[in-house]
N, C-alpha and C. Protein backbone atom coordinates (compact mmCIF):
# COMPACT_ATOMS: atom_id res chain seq x y z
N MET A 1 -17.41 10.58 18.57
CA MET A 1 -17.86 11.69 19.37
C MET A 1 -19.35 11.92 19.12
N ALA A 2 -20.10 12.12 20.17
CA ALA A 2 -21.54 12.31 20.07
C ALA A 2 -21.89 13.63 19.40
N ARG A 3 -23.02 13.62 18.69
CA ARG A 3 -23.61 14.86 18.18
C ARG A 3 -24.75 15.23 19.11
N VAL A 4 -24.84 16.51 19.43
CA VAL A 4 -25.88 17.00 20.33
C VAL A 4 -26.95 17.69 19.50
N ARG A 5 -28.17 17.21 19.65
CA ARG A 5 -29.28 17.69 18.83
C ARG A 5 -30.47 18.00 19.72
N THR A 6 -31.10 19.12 19.46
CA THR A 6 -32.37 19.41 20.12
C THR A 6 -33.46 19.30 19.07
N SER A 7 -34.62 18.82 19.48
CA SER A 7 -35.70 18.57 18.53
C SER A 7 -37.04 18.77 19.21
N ALA A 8 -37.99 19.31 18.44
CA ALA A 8 -39.35 19.46 18.96
C ALA A 8 -40.31 19.79 17.84
N SER A 9 -41.57 19.46 18.06
CA SER A 9 -42.64 19.97 17.21
C SER A 9 -42.88 21.40 17.67
N MET A 10 -42.99 22.32 16.69
CA MET A 10 -43.07 23.74 17.02
C MET A 10 -44.15 24.41 16.18
N SER A 11 -44.86 25.36 16.79
CA SER A 11 -45.83 26.17 16.07
C SER A 11 -45.11 27.20 15.20
N LEU A 12 -45.85 27.80 14.29
CA LEU A 12 -45.26 28.81 13.42
C LEU A 12 -44.72 30.00 14.21
N ASP A 13 -45.27 30.25 15.39
CA ASP A 13 -44.79 31.36 16.20
C ASP A 13 -43.79 30.93 17.28
N GLY A 14 -43.24 29.73 17.16
CA GLY A 14 -42.10 29.34 17.98
C GLY A 14 -42.37 28.66 19.30
N PHE A 15 -43.57 28.12 19.49
CA PHE A 15 -43.89 27.48 20.76
C PHE A 15 -43.93 25.95 20.64
N VAL A 16 -43.49 25.27 21.72
CA VAL A 16 -43.48 23.80 21.75
C VAL A 16 -44.61 23.24 22.63
N ALA A 17 -45.34 24.12 23.28
CA ALA A 17 -46.51 23.75 24.09
C ALA A 17 -47.30 25.02 24.35
N ASP A 18 -48.56 24.86 24.70
CA ASP A 18 -49.35 26.04 25.05
C ASP A 18 -49.09 26.42 26.51
N GLU A 19 -49.80 27.40 27.00
CA GLU A 19 -49.59 27.89 28.38
C GLU A 19 -49.86 26.82 29.43
N ASP A 20 -50.69 25.83 29.08
CA ASP A 20 -51.02 24.75 30.01
C ASP A 20 -50.18 23.50 29.78
N ASP A 21 -49.08 23.66 29.03
CA ASP A 21 -48.16 22.57 28.70
C ASP A 21 -48.79 21.50 27.82
N ARG A 22 -49.87 21.81 27.14
CA ARG A 22 -50.48 20.87 26.20
C ARG A 22 -49.81 20.99 24.83
N CYS A 23 -49.68 19.86 24.16
CA CYS A 23 -49.02 19.81 22.85
C CYS A 23 -49.93 19.22 21.78
N ASP A 24 -51.20 19.00 22.10
CA ASP A 24 -52.09 18.28 21.18
C ASP A 24 -52.17 18.93 19.80
N ARG A 25 -52.17 20.24 19.71
CA ARG A 25 -52.23 20.89 18.39
C ARG A 25 -50.92 20.72 17.62
N LEU A 26 -49.85 20.43 18.32
CA LEU A 26 -48.54 20.26 17.68
C LEU A 26 -48.24 18.81 17.34
N PHE A 27 -48.96 17.89 17.93
CA PHE A 27 -48.68 16.48 17.73
C PHE A 27 -49.66 15.78 16.80
N GLY A 28 -50.55 16.52 16.16
CA GLY A 28 -51.52 15.92 15.25
C GLY A 28 -50.88 15.15 14.11
N TRP A 29 -49.69 15.57 13.68
CA TRP A 29 -49.03 14.89 12.56
C TRP A 29 -48.62 13.46 12.91
N TYR A 30 -48.58 13.13 14.20
CA TYR A 30 -48.24 11.77 14.62
C TYR A 30 -49.36 10.76 14.31
N GLU A 31 -50.51 11.24 13.91
CA GLU A 31 -51.66 10.36 13.67
C GLU A 31 -52.36 10.68 12.35
N ASN A 32 -51.64 11.14 11.33
CA ASN A 32 -52.31 11.58 10.11
C ASN A 32 -51.90 10.81 8.85
N GLY A 33 -51.46 9.59 9.01
CA GLY A 33 -51.04 8.84 7.82
C GLY A 33 -51.32 7.36 7.96
N SER A 34 -50.84 6.63 6.99
CA SER A 34 -51.09 5.18 6.97
C SER A 34 -49.84 4.36 7.31
N GLU A 35 -48.72 5.02 7.49
CA GLU A 35 -47.46 4.32 7.79
C GLU A 35 -47.35 4.12 9.30
N ARG A 36 -47.30 2.87 9.71
CA ARG A 36 -47.20 2.56 11.15
C ARG A 36 -45.74 2.61 11.57
N VAL A 37 -45.46 3.39 12.60
CA VAL A 37 -44.12 3.52 13.15
C VAL A 37 -44.18 3.06 14.60
N GLU A 38 -43.35 2.08 14.93
CA GLU A 38 -43.32 1.56 16.30
C GLU A 38 -41.93 1.70 16.88
N HIS A 39 -41.91 2.04 18.12
CA HIS A 39 -40.68 2.13 18.91
C HIS A 39 -41.10 1.73 20.31
N PRO A 40 -40.23 1.19 21.14
CA PRO A 40 -40.67 0.77 22.47
C PRO A 40 -41.49 1.86 23.18
N GLY A 41 -42.72 1.53 23.50
CA GLY A 41 -43.56 2.45 24.24
C GLY A 41 -44.40 3.40 23.41
N ILE A 42 -44.19 3.48 22.10
CA ILE A 42 -44.98 4.40 21.28
C ILE A 42 -45.28 3.80 19.92
N THR A 43 -46.42 4.17 19.38
CA THR A 43 -46.81 3.78 18.03
C THR A 43 -47.47 4.98 17.37
N PHE A 44 -47.08 5.26 16.13
CA PHE A 44 -47.65 6.36 15.36
C PHE A 44 -48.22 5.83 14.06
N GLN A 45 -49.12 6.58 13.47
CA GLN A 45 -49.65 6.35 12.13
C GLN A 45 -49.38 7.64 11.36
N ILE A 46 -48.25 7.75 10.68
CA ILE A 46 -47.86 8.97 10.00
C ILE A 46 -47.65 8.72 8.51
N ASP A 47 -47.48 9.79 7.75
CA ASP A 47 -47.27 9.62 6.32
C ASP A 47 -45.85 9.12 6.07
N GLU A 48 -45.60 8.60 4.88
CA GLU A 48 -44.32 7.96 4.56
C GLU A 48 -43.12 8.90 4.69
N PRO A 49 -43.17 10.14 4.19
CA PRO A 49 -42.00 11.01 4.37
C PRO A 49 -41.68 11.26 5.84
N SER A 50 -42.70 11.49 6.66
CA SER A 50 -42.47 11.70 8.10
C SER A 50 -41.95 10.43 8.77
N ALA A 51 -42.44 9.26 8.34
CA ALA A 51 -41.99 7.99 8.92
C ALA A 51 -40.51 7.76 8.63
N SER A 52 -40.08 7.99 7.41
CA SER A 52 -38.66 7.82 7.06
C SER A 52 -37.78 8.77 7.86
N TYR A 53 -38.21 10.01 7.93
CA TYR A 53 -37.50 11.04 8.70
C TYR A 53 -37.38 10.62 10.16
N TRP A 54 -38.51 10.24 10.77
CA TRP A 54 -38.54 9.91 12.18
C TRP A 54 -37.66 8.70 12.50
N ARG A 55 -37.79 7.65 11.68
CA ARG A 55 -36.99 6.44 11.92
C ARG A 55 -35.50 6.73 11.83
N ALA A 56 -35.11 7.54 10.85
CA ALA A 56 -33.69 7.84 10.65
C ALA A 56 -33.09 8.58 11.85
N TRP A 57 -33.81 9.52 12.41
CA TRP A 57 -33.20 10.28 13.48
C TRP A 57 -33.27 9.57 14.82
N VAL A 58 -34.32 8.85 15.08
CA VAL A 58 -34.44 8.15 16.35
C VAL A 58 -33.47 6.97 16.43
N ALA A 59 -33.12 6.40 15.30
CA ALA A 59 -32.24 5.22 15.28
C ALA A 59 -30.88 5.50 15.92
N ASP A 60 -30.39 6.72 15.85
CA ASP A 60 -29.07 7.04 16.38
C ASP A 60 -29.08 7.70 17.75
N VAL A 61 -30.25 7.91 18.34
CA VAL A 61 -30.32 8.53 19.67
C VAL A 61 -29.84 7.52 20.71
N ARG A 62 -28.81 7.89 21.44
CA ARG A 62 -28.21 6.99 22.44
C ARG A 62 -28.36 7.50 23.86
N ALA A 63 -28.71 8.80 24.02
CA ALA A 63 -28.90 9.37 25.36
C ALA A 63 -29.73 10.64 25.22
N LEU A 64 -30.42 10.98 26.32
CA LEU A 64 -31.28 12.16 26.33
C LEU A 64 -30.93 13.07 27.49
N VAL A 65 -31.14 14.36 27.27
CA VAL A 65 -31.03 15.35 28.34
C VAL A 65 -32.38 16.05 28.42
N VAL A 66 -33.00 15.99 29.58
CA VAL A 66 -34.29 16.63 29.78
C VAL A 66 -34.26 17.44 31.07
N GLY A 67 -35.14 18.42 31.14
CA GLY A 67 -35.27 19.21 32.36
C GLY A 67 -36.24 18.58 33.33
N ARG A 68 -36.19 19.04 34.54
CA ARG A 68 -37.06 18.51 35.60
C ARG A 68 -38.53 18.76 35.30
N ARG A 69 -38.86 19.90 34.70
CA ARG A 69 -40.25 20.21 34.39
C ARG A 69 -40.85 19.14 33.47
N LEU A 70 -40.16 18.85 32.37
CA LEU A 70 -40.64 17.83 31.43
C LEU A 70 -40.65 16.45 32.08
N PHE A 71 -39.63 16.17 32.85
CA PHE A 71 -39.56 14.89 33.56
C PHE A 71 -40.79 14.71 34.46
N ASP A 72 -41.14 15.75 35.20
CA ASP A 72 -42.31 15.67 36.09
C ASP A 72 -43.61 15.59 35.30
N LEU A 73 -43.73 16.39 34.23
CA LEU A 73 -44.96 16.38 33.42
C LEU A 73 -45.25 15.01 32.83
N THR A 74 -44.20 14.27 32.50
CA THR A 74 -44.37 12.95 31.88
C THR A 74 -44.31 11.81 32.89
N GLY A 75 -44.19 12.14 34.16
CA GLY A 75 -44.04 11.09 35.17
C GLY A 75 -42.73 10.33 34.98
N GLY A 76 -41.73 11.03 34.40
CA GLY A 76 -40.44 10.39 34.15
C GLY A 76 -40.53 9.25 33.16
N TRP A 77 -41.62 9.25 32.39
CA TRP A 77 -41.87 8.16 31.42
C TRP A 77 -41.78 6.80 32.12
N ASP A 78 -42.04 6.81 33.42
CA ASP A 78 -41.95 5.61 34.25
C ASP A 78 -40.58 4.96 34.14
N GLY A 79 -39.56 5.80 33.91
CA GLY A 79 -38.20 5.30 33.89
C GLY A 79 -37.69 4.86 32.54
N ARG A 80 -38.55 4.87 31.53
CA ARG A 80 -38.14 4.41 30.20
C ARG A 80 -38.69 5.38 29.16
N HIS A 81 -37.85 6.27 28.65
CA HIS A 81 -38.27 7.22 27.63
C HIS A 81 -38.69 6.47 26.37
N PRO A 82 -39.66 7.00 25.59
CA PRO A 82 -40.08 6.31 24.37
C PRO A 82 -38.94 6.06 23.37
N PHE A 83 -37.87 6.84 23.42
CA PHE A 83 -36.73 6.58 22.53
C PHE A 83 -35.88 5.43 23.04
N ASP A 84 -36.21 4.90 24.23
CA ASP A 84 -35.52 3.76 24.82
C ASP A 84 -34.03 4.02 24.99
N ALA A 85 -33.71 5.23 25.46
CA ALA A 85 -32.31 5.62 25.68
C ALA A 85 -32.18 6.15 27.11
N PRO A 86 -31.00 6.02 27.69
CA PRO A 86 -30.79 6.56 29.04
C PRO A 86 -31.01 8.07 29.07
N MET A 87 -31.48 8.56 30.23
CA MET A 87 -31.76 9.98 30.40
C MET A 87 -30.87 10.58 31.47
N VAL A 88 -30.46 11.83 31.21
CA VAL A 88 -29.82 12.64 32.23
C VAL A 88 -30.76 13.82 32.46
N VAL A 89 -31.25 13.96 33.67
CA VAL A 89 -32.23 14.97 34.02
C VAL A 89 -31.54 16.12 34.73
N VAL A 90 -31.80 17.34 34.24
CA VAL A 90 -31.25 18.54 34.88
C VAL A 90 -32.24 18.99 35.94
N SER A 91 -31.80 18.97 37.19
CA SER A 91 -32.69 19.32 38.29
C SER A 91 -31.84 19.74 39.49
N HIS A 92 -32.36 20.70 40.25
CA HIS A 92 -31.66 21.12 41.47
C HIS A 92 -31.99 20.20 42.66
N SER A 93 -32.92 19.28 42.45
CA SER A 93 -33.22 18.29 43.48
C SER A 93 -33.67 17.01 42.78
N VAL A 94 -33.45 15.91 43.45
CA VAL A 94 -33.86 14.60 42.91
C VAL A 94 -35.27 14.31 43.41
N PRO A 95 -36.19 13.99 42.47
CA PRO A 95 -37.57 13.72 42.89
C PRO A 95 -37.66 12.50 43.80
N THR A 96 -38.68 12.51 44.63
CA THR A 96 -38.95 11.37 45.51
C THR A 96 -39.12 10.11 44.67
N GLY A 97 -38.47 9.04 45.11
CA GLY A 97 -38.56 7.76 44.41
C GLY A 97 -37.49 7.56 43.35
N TRP A 98 -36.63 8.53 43.17
CA TRP A 98 -35.55 8.45 42.19
C TRP A 98 -34.22 8.66 42.90
N PRO A 99 -33.14 8.13 42.35
CA PRO A 99 -33.04 7.22 41.21
C PRO A 99 -33.58 5.84 41.55
N ARG A 100 -33.88 5.08 40.48
CA ARG A 100 -34.40 3.74 40.63
C ARG A 100 -33.45 2.76 39.94
N ALA A 101 -33.26 1.62 40.55
CA ALA A 101 -32.35 0.62 40.00
C ALA A 101 -32.81 0.09 38.64
N ASP A 102 -34.13 0.14 38.39
CA ASP A 102 -34.67 -0.42 37.15
C ASP A 102 -34.76 0.59 36.01
N ALA A 103 -34.24 1.81 36.22
CA ALA A 103 -34.40 2.85 35.21
C ALA A 103 -33.06 3.53 34.91
N PRO A 104 -32.71 3.66 33.62
CA PRO A 104 -31.45 4.31 33.25
C PRO A 104 -31.59 5.84 33.27
N VAL A 105 -31.76 6.38 34.50
CA VAL A 105 -31.98 7.81 34.68
C VAL A 105 -30.97 8.33 35.71
N GLU A 106 -30.28 9.40 35.34
CA GLU A 106 -29.34 10.07 36.24
C GLU A 106 -29.78 11.51 36.42
N PHE A 107 -29.34 12.15 37.49
CA PHE A 107 -29.70 13.54 37.78
C PHE A 107 -28.44 14.36 37.99
N THR A 108 -28.49 15.59 37.50
CA THR A 108 -27.42 16.56 37.73
C THR A 108 -28.05 17.94 37.75
N ASP A 109 -27.39 18.90 38.37
CA ASP A 109 -28.00 20.23 38.49
C ASP A 109 -27.45 21.23 37.48
N ASP A 110 -26.77 20.74 36.44
CA ASP A 110 -26.08 21.64 35.52
C ASP A 110 -26.22 21.13 34.09
N VAL A 111 -26.61 22.01 33.17
CA VAL A 111 -26.82 21.61 31.78
C VAL A 111 -25.52 21.13 31.13
N ALA A 112 -24.43 21.84 31.36
CA ALA A 112 -23.15 21.45 30.75
C ALA A 112 -22.74 20.05 31.23
N THR A 113 -22.89 19.79 32.51
CA THR A 113 -22.55 18.48 33.05
C THR A 113 -23.47 17.41 32.48
N ALA A 114 -24.77 17.73 32.34
CA ALA A 114 -25.72 16.78 31.78
C ALA A 114 -25.37 16.42 30.35
N VAL A 115 -25.02 17.42 29.53
CA VAL A 115 -24.66 17.16 28.13
C VAL A 115 -23.37 16.36 28.07
N ALA A 116 -22.40 16.68 28.92
CA ALA A 116 -21.13 15.94 28.93
C ALA A 116 -21.38 14.48 29.32
N ARG A 117 -22.19 14.25 30.34
CA ARG A 117 -22.48 12.88 30.77
C ARG A 117 -23.25 12.12 29.70
N ALA A 118 -24.26 12.76 29.10
CA ALA A 118 -25.03 12.12 28.04
C ALA A 118 -24.13 11.80 26.84
N SER A 119 -23.17 12.67 26.54
CA SER A 119 -22.24 12.42 25.44
C SER A 119 -21.37 11.21 25.71
N GLU A 120 -20.95 11.04 26.96
CA GLU A 120 -20.20 9.83 27.34
C GLU A 120 -21.04 8.59 27.08
N ILE A 121 -22.30 8.64 27.51
CA ILE A 121 -23.20 7.51 27.33
C ILE A 121 -23.43 7.23 25.85
N ALA A 122 -23.62 8.28 25.06
CA ALA A 122 -23.99 8.15 23.64
C ALA A 122 -22.85 7.67 22.77
N GLY A 123 -21.61 7.86 23.18
CA GLY A 123 -20.48 7.46 22.33
C GLY A 123 -20.49 8.23 21.03
N ASP A 124 -20.64 7.54 19.89
CA ASP A 124 -20.67 8.22 18.60
C ASP A 124 -22.09 8.42 18.09
N GLY A 125 -23.08 8.26 18.97
CA GLY A 125 -24.48 8.46 18.60
C GLY A 125 -24.94 9.88 18.83
N ILE A 126 -26.23 10.04 18.96
CA ILE A 126 -26.84 11.36 19.15
C ILE A 126 -27.30 11.52 20.59
N VAL A 127 -27.03 12.69 21.14
CA VAL A 127 -27.61 13.12 22.40
C VAL A 127 -28.79 14.02 22.04
N ALA A 128 -29.98 13.63 22.44
CA ALA A 128 -31.17 14.43 22.19
C ALA A 128 -31.45 15.30 23.41
N VAL A 129 -31.42 16.61 23.21
CA VAL A 129 -31.67 17.56 24.28
C VAL A 129 -33.08 18.11 24.11
N ALA A 130 -33.88 18.07 25.16
CA ALA A 130 -35.25 18.56 25.09
C ALA A 130 -35.27 20.06 24.80
N ALA A 131 -36.29 20.47 24.05
CA ALA A 131 -36.49 21.89 23.78
C ALA A 131 -36.93 22.60 25.06
N GLY A 132 -36.94 23.91 25.03
CA GLY A 132 -37.34 24.69 26.19
C GLY A 132 -36.12 25.22 26.92
N GLN A 133 -36.22 25.33 28.23
CA GLN A 133 -35.14 25.94 29.01
C GLN A 133 -33.82 25.18 28.90
N VAL A 134 -33.87 23.86 28.94
CA VAL A 134 -32.64 23.08 28.85
C VAL A 134 -32.02 23.23 27.46
N GLY A 135 -32.84 23.18 26.41
CA GLY A 135 -32.34 23.38 25.05
C GLY A 135 -31.74 24.76 24.87
N ARG A 136 -32.41 25.78 25.41
CA ARG A 136 -31.89 27.15 25.33
C ARG A 136 -30.54 27.27 26.03
N GLN A 137 -30.44 26.72 27.22
CA GLN A 137 -29.17 26.78 27.95
C GLN A 137 -28.06 26.06 27.21
N ALA A 138 -28.36 24.90 26.65
CA ALA A 138 -27.35 24.15 25.89
C ALA A 138 -26.91 24.93 24.66
N LEU A 139 -27.86 25.57 23.97
CA LEU A 139 -27.52 26.39 22.81
C LEU A 139 -26.68 27.59 23.23
N ASP A 140 -27.05 28.24 24.31
CA ASP A 140 -26.29 29.38 24.83
C ASP A 140 -24.86 29.00 25.20
N LEU A 141 -24.69 27.78 25.67
CA LEU A 141 -23.36 27.29 26.05
C LEU A 141 -22.54 26.79 24.86
N GLY A 142 -23.13 26.81 23.67
CA GLY A 142 -22.43 26.35 22.48
C GLY A 142 -22.35 24.84 22.38
N LEU A 143 -23.26 24.13 23.04
CA LEU A 143 -23.20 22.67 23.10
C LEU A 143 -24.07 21.97 22.06
N VAL A 144 -24.92 22.71 21.36
CA VAL A 144 -25.84 22.11 20.40
C VAL A 144 -25.24 22.13 19.00
N ASP A 145 -25.15 20.96 18.39
CA ASP A 145 -24.63 20.82 17.02
C ASP A 145 -25.72 20.95 15.97
N GLU A 146 -26.93 20.47 16.31
CA GLU A 146 -28.02 20.41 15.34
C GLU A 146 -29.34 20.75 16.01
N VAL A 147 -30.20 21.39 15.22
CA VAL A 147 -31.56 21.68 15.67
C VAL A 147 -32.51 21.03 14.68
N MET A 148 -33.47 20.29 15.22
CA MET A 148 -34.54 19.71 14.39
C MET A 148 -35.84 20.37 14.82
N ILE A 149 -36.59 20.80 13.82
CA ILE A 149 -37.88 21.42 14.08
C ILE A 149 -38.92 20.69 13.23
N ASP A 150 -39.97 20.24 13.89
CA ASP A 150 -41.13 19.70 13.19
C ASP A 150 -42.13 20.85 13.17
N LEU A 151 -42.09 21.63 12.11
CA LEU A 151 -42.86 22.87 12.01
C LEU A 151 -44.31 22.56 11.63
N VAL A 152 -45.21 22.89 12.54
CA VAL A 152 -46.62 22.56 12.39
C VAL A 152 -47.39 23.83 12.01
N PRO A 153 -48.28 23.76 11.02
CA PRO A 153 -48.97 24.94 10.55
C PRO A 153 -50.09 25.40 11.49
N VAL A 154 -49.68 25.91 12.64
CA VAL A 154 -50.61 26.47 13.62
C VAL A 154 -49.89 27.62 14.33
N VAL A 155 -50.63 28.65 14.67
CA VAL A 155 -50.12 29.76 15.48
C VAL A 155 -50.80 29.65 16.84
N LEU A 156 -50.01 29.42 17.90
CA LEU A 156 -50.58 29.27 19.24
C LEU A 156 -50.83 30.61 19.91
N GLY A 157 -50.04 31.62 19.58
CA GLY A 157 -50.22 32.94 20.18
C GLY A 157 -49.46 33.14 21.47
N SER A 158 -49.28 32.09 22.23
CA SER A 158 -48.50 32.15 23.47
C SER A 158 -48.21 30.71 23.89
N GLY A 159 -47.33 30.56 24.83
CA GLY A 159 -47.01 29.22 25.32
C GLY A 159 -45.56 29.10 25.74
N ARG A 160 -45.06 27.88 25.66
CA ARG A 160 -43.67 27.57 26.03
C ARG A 160 -42.80 27.68 24.78
N PRO A 161 -41.84 28.61 24.75
CA PRO A 161 -41.03 28.79 23.54
C PRO A 161 -40.03 27.65 23.35
N TYR A 162 -39.68 27.42 22.08
CA TYR A 162 -38.66 26.42 21.76
C TYR A 162 -37.36 26.79 22.46
N PHE A 163 -36.90 28.01 22.30
CA PHE A 163 -35.66 28.45 22.94
C PHE A 163 -35.85 29.61 23.89
N GLY A 164 -36.67 30.57 23.55
CA GLY A 164 -36.77 31.79 24.36
C GLY A 164 -35.57 32.68 24.07
N ALA A 165 -35.38 33.66 24.91
CA ALA A 165 -34.31 34.65 24.71
C ALA A 165 -32.94 34.04 25.00
N LEU A 166 -32.03 34.21 24.05
CA LEU A 166 -30.66 33.72 24.21
C LEU A 166 -29.78 34.82 24.78
N ALA A 167 -28.86 34.45 25.62
CA ALA A 167 -27.90 35.41 26.16
C ALA A 167 -26.75 35.63 25.18
N HIS A 168 -26.46 34.64 24.35
CA HIS A 168 -25.30 34.69 23.45
C HIS A 168 -25.71 34.46 22.00
N GLY A 169 -26.63 35.26 21.50
CA GLY A 169 -27.05 35.12 20.11
C GLY A 169 -26.38 36.17 19.26
N PRO A 170 -26.52 36.10 17.98
CA PRO A 170 -27.23 35.06 17.26
C PRO A 170 -26.39 33.79 17.10
N VAL A 171 -27.07 32.70 16.84
CA VAL A 171 -26.43 31.43 16.55
C VAL A 171 -26.77 31.12 15.09
N THR A 172 -25.77 30.80 14.30
CA THR A 172 -25.96 30.63 12.87
C THR A 172 -25.93 29.15 12.49
N PHE A 173 -26.85 28.80 11.57
CA PHE A 173 -26.95 27.44 11.07
C PHE A 173 -26.83 27.46 9.56
N GLY A 174 -26.48 26.32 8.98
CA GLY A 174 -26.40 26.19 7.53
C GLY A 174 -27.78 26.00 6.94
N ASP A 175 -27.82 25.77 5.64
CA ASP A 175 -29.08 25.54 4.95
C ASP A 175 -29.78 24.32 5.53
N PRO A 176 -31.10 24.41 5.69
CA PRO A 176 -31.82 23.29 6.29
C PRO A 176 -32.00 22.13 5.33
N GLU A 177 -32.01 20.93 5.88
CA GLU A 177 -32.53 19.77 5.16
C GLU A 177 -34.02 19.78 5.44
N VAL A 178 -34.83 19.63 4.40
CA VAL A 178 -36.28 19.78 4.53
C VAL A 178 -36.99 18.52 4.06
N VAL A 179 -37.91 18.05 4.88
CA VAL A 179 -38.78 16.93 4.51
C VAL A 179 -40.21 17.41 4.72
N ALA A 180 -40.98 17.43 3.65
CA ALA A 180 -42.38 17.86 3.75
C ALA A 180 -43.25 16.66 4.06
N GLY A 181 -43.97 16.74 5.16
CA GLY A 181 -44.90 15.70 5.54
C GLY A 181 -46.32 16.24 5.52
N ARG A 182 -47.25 15.40 5.87
CA ARG A 182 -48.66 15.83 5.94
C ARG A 182 -48.88 16.53 7.28
N GLY A 183 -49.19 17.82 7.22
CA GLY A 183 -49.44 18.59 8.44
C GLY A 183 -48.18 18.98 9.19
N VAL A 184 -47.01 18.83 8.57
CA VAL A 184 -45.75 19.16 9.24
C VAL A 184 -44.64 19.31 8.20
N THR A 185 -43.71 20.20 8.47
CA THR A 185 -42.50 20.31 7.67
C THR A 185 -41.32 20.07 8.60
N HIS A 186 -40.52 19.07 8.30
CA HIS A 186 -39.38 18.71 9.14
C HIS A 186 -38.15 19.45 8.66
N LEU A 187 -37.45 20.10 9.59
CA LEU A 187 -36.24 20.84 9.28
C LEU A 187 -35.09 20.33 10.13
N LEU A 188 -33.95 20.08 9.50
CA LEU A 188 -32.72 19.74 10.22
C LEU A 188 -31.71 20.81 9.88
N LEU A 189 -31.19 21.47 10.91
CA LEU A 189 -30.22 22.54 10.73
C LEU A 189 -28.96 22.23 11.51
N ARG A 190 -27.81 22.39 10.86
CA ARG A 190 -26.53 22.13 11.52
C ARG A 190 -25.80 23.45 11.73
N ARG A 191 -25.15 23.56 12.89
CA ARG A 191 -24.39 24.79 13.17
C ARG A 191 -23.26 24.94 12.18
N THR A 192 -23.01 26.19 11.84
CA THR A 192 -21.90 26.48 10.92
C THR A 192 -20.67 26.88 11.69
């Protein structure tokens, strides 16, 4: 059975992007070390603790759930997400040019359906759900098993929240697993 996990780099005040959808202040840790990490489509230079953490969690990602906003902002990753896993996109309409025969991308208009479909694809692996509105909806629906936060020592003051206001809170997690990296603290929290 798949585990559903949401993950993002987050500011100390809970944002995953600024008001202009920029993440540069949150992604600095991807280029602050000597350990080279490669995955199809991406290469990082991070410190050893962050590299071990990153490799371990990405290795089991078998499917992704993302919202239409992120899909559009990234150009749909040209059909191949950097985690090299199939995507289920939550959208009320299918963008022009999609679906494509050369890209493992599906569309649905419902978060619960997207998570269920991604879980089928993932088998006993991890379904990675994007932070933001889709992550909040999945958490509200009780579909998220784990939350990963790459906590970056910056206060943005405003922007796109990791979850935003929940309709069905509070949601309780167990003690975090913590990995201290350079310019980032990685937290893994499992629902209790």
